[in-house]
Amino acid sequence: MIGQLTGTLLEKNPPEVLVDCHGVGYEVQVPMSTFYNLPAVGQAVRLLTQFIVREDAQLLYGFATPAERQAFRELIKISGVGPRTALAVLSGLGVAELARAVTAQEAGRLVKVPGIGKKTAERLLLELKGKLGADLGPGGAAATPASDAQNDIAQALMALGYTERDAQLALKNLPADVGVSEGIKLALKVLSR
C-alpha cells in the first residue's frame, strides 16, 4: 500500500526513524544495515517500504535498497518468522551475507543472530534456497563482488529480476569506485543494450 517514503529525516532512534513527508510524520522500523546508511537528522531521505497491518497494529518497515526489501518480504513469508525476526536477520547479516549463508547452507551464520535458534536457522536456509539470487558461480562458490557498493548493486539488479550472471557482467563494465545509485543506473543502461 505504501511503497516508498521521501521526506526529511526528523529522528533516529534505532531501529526506528521518523520521516516527515509534507507535514505527516511516519514512524518507520529499519534494519541496522539501512540505519547506518541514513543521512543526518534534517536531511532528505528516501526509503522503500513494506506496510504490514495486524489485528493490533499498523507497522511500516523501511529499506535503503530493493534487495533489502525483497529479502524482508521473503523472510516474513516463512512460517514462524515475523517482521521483528526478519529485521533482526537483516540487521545481523545484511542481504549479501544472508544470500551467501543460504547458498552455502551455513546455519552457523544465522544462529549468531539474536533470536534465531538452530531449528529456525535450518528452516530459513531451506525456505530461502533459490529465492535470494545467490546462485553458485562457475568456480562452485558464491560469486562475490569486489566492494560493498558493487555487492549492493548486484543485489539490486537481482531483486529487479536479472540473473546473477547478468549482474556480474554489468558490474564488469562499471568503474571500481562507483556509488550504489549511480552504479545501478549505469548497470541498467548496460543491461538494456
Protein backbone atom coordinates (compact mmCIF):
# COMPACT_ATOMS: atom_id res chain seq x y z
CA MET A 1 0.00 0.00 0.00
CA ILE A 2 2.76 2.47 0.96
CA GLY A 3 5.73 1.57 -1.24
CA GLN A 4 8.13 4.45 -0.66
CA LEU A 5 8.64 7.47 1.55
CA THR A 6 10.59 10.54 0.53
CA GLY A 7 10.93 13.35 3.02
CA THR A 8 13.01 14.84 5.81
CA LEU A 9 14.57 12.68 8.50
CA LEU A 10 13.34 14.05 11.84
CA GLU A 11 14.51 11.46 14.37
CA LYS A 12 16.84 8.47 14.55
CA ASN A 13 16.23 6.06 17.43
CA PRO A 14 17.39 2.57 16.41
CA PRO A 15 15.66 0.66 14.96
CA GLU A 16 13.03 3.36 14.39
CA VAL A 17 13.21 6.57 12.40
CA LEU A 18 10.71 9.38 11.94
CA VAL A 19 10.32 10.74 8.41
CA ASP A 20 8.39 13.95 7.69
CA CYS A 21 6.56 13.76 4.36
CA HIS A 22 4.90 17.13 3.72
CA GLY A 23 3.81 17.61 7.33
CA VAL A 24 2.97 13.98 8.12
CA GLY A 25 5.48 12.12 10.30
CA TYR A 26 5.86 8.40 9.57
CA GLU A 27 7.41 6.11 12.16
CA VAL A 28 9.42 3.53 10.23
CA GLN A 29 11.25 0.49 11.57
CA VAL A 30 14.50 -0.14 9.68
CA PRO A 31 17.20 -2.82 9.80
CA MET A 32 20.56 -1.66 11.10
CA SER A 33 22.07 -2.06 7.62
CA THR A 34 19.74 0.73 6.47
CA PHE A 35 20.08 2.72 9.71
CA TYR A 36 23.87 3.05 9.37
CA ASN A 37 23.48 4.49 5.87
CA LEU A 38 20.88 7.12 6.74
CA PRO A 39 21.75 10.79 6.31
CA ALA A 40 21.95 13.18 9.27
CA VAL A 41 18.79 14.40 11.01
CA GLY A 42 17.25 17.24 8.99
CA GLN A 43 18.47 15.86 5.67
CA ALA A 44 16.37 14.42 2.82
CA VAL A 45 15.82 10.67 2.92
CA ARG A 46 14.19 8.08 0.65
CA LEU A 47 13.10 4.69 1.96
CA LEU A 48 11.43 1.79 0.18
CA THR A 49 8.74 0.48 2.49
CA GLN A 50 6.65 -2.53 3.45
CA PHE A 51 3.33 -1.79 5.17
CA ILE A 52 2.03 -4.52 7.47
CA VAL A 53 -1.43 -4.49 9.04
CA ARG A 54 -2.04 -6.68 12.07
CA GLU A 55 -5.04 -7.04 14.31
CA ASP A 56 -3.49 -4.76 16.91
CA ALA A 57 -1.14 -2.54 14.87
CA GLN A 58 -0.26 -0.99 11.53
CA LEU A 59 3.50 -1.07 11.02
CA LEU A 60 5.76 0.46 8.41
CA TYR A 61 9.20 -1.00 7.66
CA GLY A 62 11.79 0.87 5.59
CA PHE A 63 14.76 -0.21 3.50
CA ALA A 64 17.59 1.53 1.68
CA THR A 65 17.73 -0.91 -1.24
CA PRO A 66 15.28 -3.03 -3.24
CA ALA A 67 17.34 -6.10 -2.31
CA GLU A 68 16.80 -5.46 1.42
CA ARG A 69 13.07 -5.07 0.95
CA GLN A 70 12.85 -8.21 -1.17
CA ALA A 71 14.82 -10.22 1.39
CA PHE A 72 12.49 -8.92 4.13
CA ARG A 73 9.46 -9.98 2.09
CA GLU A 74 10.90 -13.45 1.56
CA LEU A 75 11.72 -13.79 5.26
CA ILE A 76 8.24 -12.87 6.50
CA LYS A 77 6.67 -15.45 4.16
CA ILE A 78 8.33 -18.18 6.24
CA SER A 79 6.14 -19.74 8.91
CA GLY A 80 7.20 -18.59 12.38
CA VAL A 81 9.23 -15.63 11.10
CA GLY A 82 7.62 -12.28 11.76
CA PRO A 83 8.73 -8.77 10.86
CA ARG A 84 10.76 -8.37 14.07
CA THR A 85 12.74 -11.55 13.37
CA ALA A 86 13.21 -10.56 9.72
CA LEU A 87 14.61 -7.18 10.82
CA ALA A 88 16.95 -8.94 13.25
CA VAL A 89 18.24 -11.20 10.46
CA LEU A 90 18.84 -8.26 8.10
CA SER A 91 20.42 -6.23 10.91
CA GLY A 92 22.74 -9.07 11.88
CA LEU A 93 23.76 -10.27 8.43
CA GLY A 94 22.76 -7.97 5.60
CA VAL A 95 21.40 -9.21 2.30
CA ALA A 96 24.69 -10.29 0.71
CA GLU A 97 25.84 -12.31 3.72
CA LEU A 98 22.38 -13.86 4.11
CA ALA A 99 22.45 -14.88 0.44
CA ARG A 100 25.90 -16.43 0.88
CA ALA A 101 24.74 -18.31 4.01
CA VAL A 102 21.72 -19.66 2.13
CA THR A 103 23.81 -20.68 -0.87
CA ALA A 104 26.37 -22.45 1.30
CA GLN A 105 23.63 -23.75 3.66
CA GLU A 106 25.57 -22.43 6.69
CA ALA A 107 23.22 -22.46 9.68
CA GLY A 108 26.08 -21.26 11.89
CA ARG A 109 25.92 -17.75 10.43
CA LEU A 110 22.20 -17.46 11.14
CA VAL A 111 22.45 -18.83 14.69
CA LYS A 112 24.68 -15.84 15.56
CA VAL A 113 21.69 -13.53 15.02
CA PRO A 114 19.86 -12.84 18.34
CA GLY A 115 16.56 -14.70 18.44
CA ILE A 116 17.49 -17.32 15.83
CA GLY A 117 17.95 -20.85 17.11
CA LYS A 118 19.27 -23.87 15.27
CA LYS A 119 15.84 -25.11 14.11
CA THR A 120 14.78 -21.67 12.89
CA ALA A 121 18.11 -21.24 11.09
CA GLU A 122 17.70 -24.58 9.32
CA ARG A 123 14.12 -23.70 8.32
CA LEU A 124 15.29 -20.31 6.97
CA LEU A 125 18.01 -21.97 4.90
CA LEU A 126 15.55 -24.47 3.46
CA GLU A 127 12.81 -21.94 2.69
CA LEU A 128 15.13 -19.27 1.23
CA LYS A 129 17.11 -21.59 -1.04
CA GLY A 130 16.95 -20.21 -4.59
CA LYS A 131 14.96 -17.12 -3.57
CA LEU A 132 17.70 -14.57 -2.86
CA GLY A 133 19.50 -14.74 -6.20
CA ALA A 134 22.75 -16.10 -4.80
CA ASP A 135 23.40 -18.82 -7.34
CA LEU A 136 26.74 -20.54 -7.39
CA GLY A 137 29.29 -19.15 -9.77
CA PRO A 138 31.45 -21.17 -12.20
CA GLY A 139 34.02 -21.98 -9.52
CA GLY A 140 31.42 -23.65 -7.30
CA ALA A 141 31.47 -20.83 -4.75
CA ALA A 142 29.20 -17.86 -4.48
CA ALA A 143 30.46 -15.05 -6.68
CA THR A 144 31.49 -12.09 -4.53
CA PRO A 145 31.76 -8.60 -5.98
CA ALA A 146 34.86 -6.54 -5.21
CA SER A 147 33.26 -4.00 -2.86
CA ASP A 148 30.20 -3.41 -0.70
CA ALA A 149 28.87 -0.94 -3.30
CA GLN A 150 29.25 -3.49 -6.08
CA ASN A 151 27.63 -6.10 -3.86
CA ASP A 152 24.65 -3.79 -3.27
CA ILE A 153 24.42 -3.05 -6.99
CA ALA A 154 24.41 -6.77 -7.81
CA GLN A 155 21.74 -7.46 -5.17
CA ALA A 156 19.57 -4.63 -6.51
CA LEU A 157 19.84 -5.95 -10.07
CA MET A 158 18.90 -9.46 -8.93
CA ALA A 159 15.94 -8.04 -6.99
CA LEU A 160 14.83 -6.44 -10.25
CA GLY A 161 14.77 -9.88 -11.90
CA TYR A 162 18.20 -10.12 -13.54
CA THR A 163 20.24 -13.28 -13.06
CA GLU A 164 23.45 -13.21 -11.05
CA ARG A 165 25.37 -13.82 -14.28
CA ASP A 166 23.79 -10.71 -15.88
CA ALA A 167 24.55 -8.69 -12.74
CA GLN A 168 28.20 -9.80 -12.74
CA LEU A 169 28.55 -8.95 -16.45
CA ALA A 170 27.10 -5.49 -15.81
CA LEU A 171 29.48 -4.95 -12.85
CA LYS A 172 32.50 -5.64 -15.06
CA ASN A 173 31.58 -2.58 -17.14
CA LEU A 174 31.34 -0.22 -14.15
CA PRO A 175 34.11 1.92 -12.65
CA ALA A 176 35.53 0.35 -9.48
CA ASP A 177 34.69 3.36 -7.27
CA VAL A 178 31.11 3.94 -8.47
CA GLY A 179 28.41 4.67 -5.86
CA VAL A 180 25.40 2.40 -5.42
CA SER A 181 22.69 4.55 -7.01
CA GLU A 182 24.87 5.68 -9.91
CA GLY A 183 26.10 2.10 -10.36
CA ILE A 184 22.56 0.77 -10.59
CA LYS A 185 21.70 3.35 -13.23
CA LEU A 186 24.81 2.54 -15.27
CA ALA A 187 24.28 -1.21 -14.89
CA LEU A 188 20.69 -0.91 -16.11
CA LYS A 189 21.91 1.00 -19.17
CA VAL A 190 24.44 -1.78 -19.85
CA LEU A 191 21.82 -4.49 -19.46
CA SER A 192 19.29 -2.70 -21.68
CA ARG A 193 21.61 -2.87 -24.71
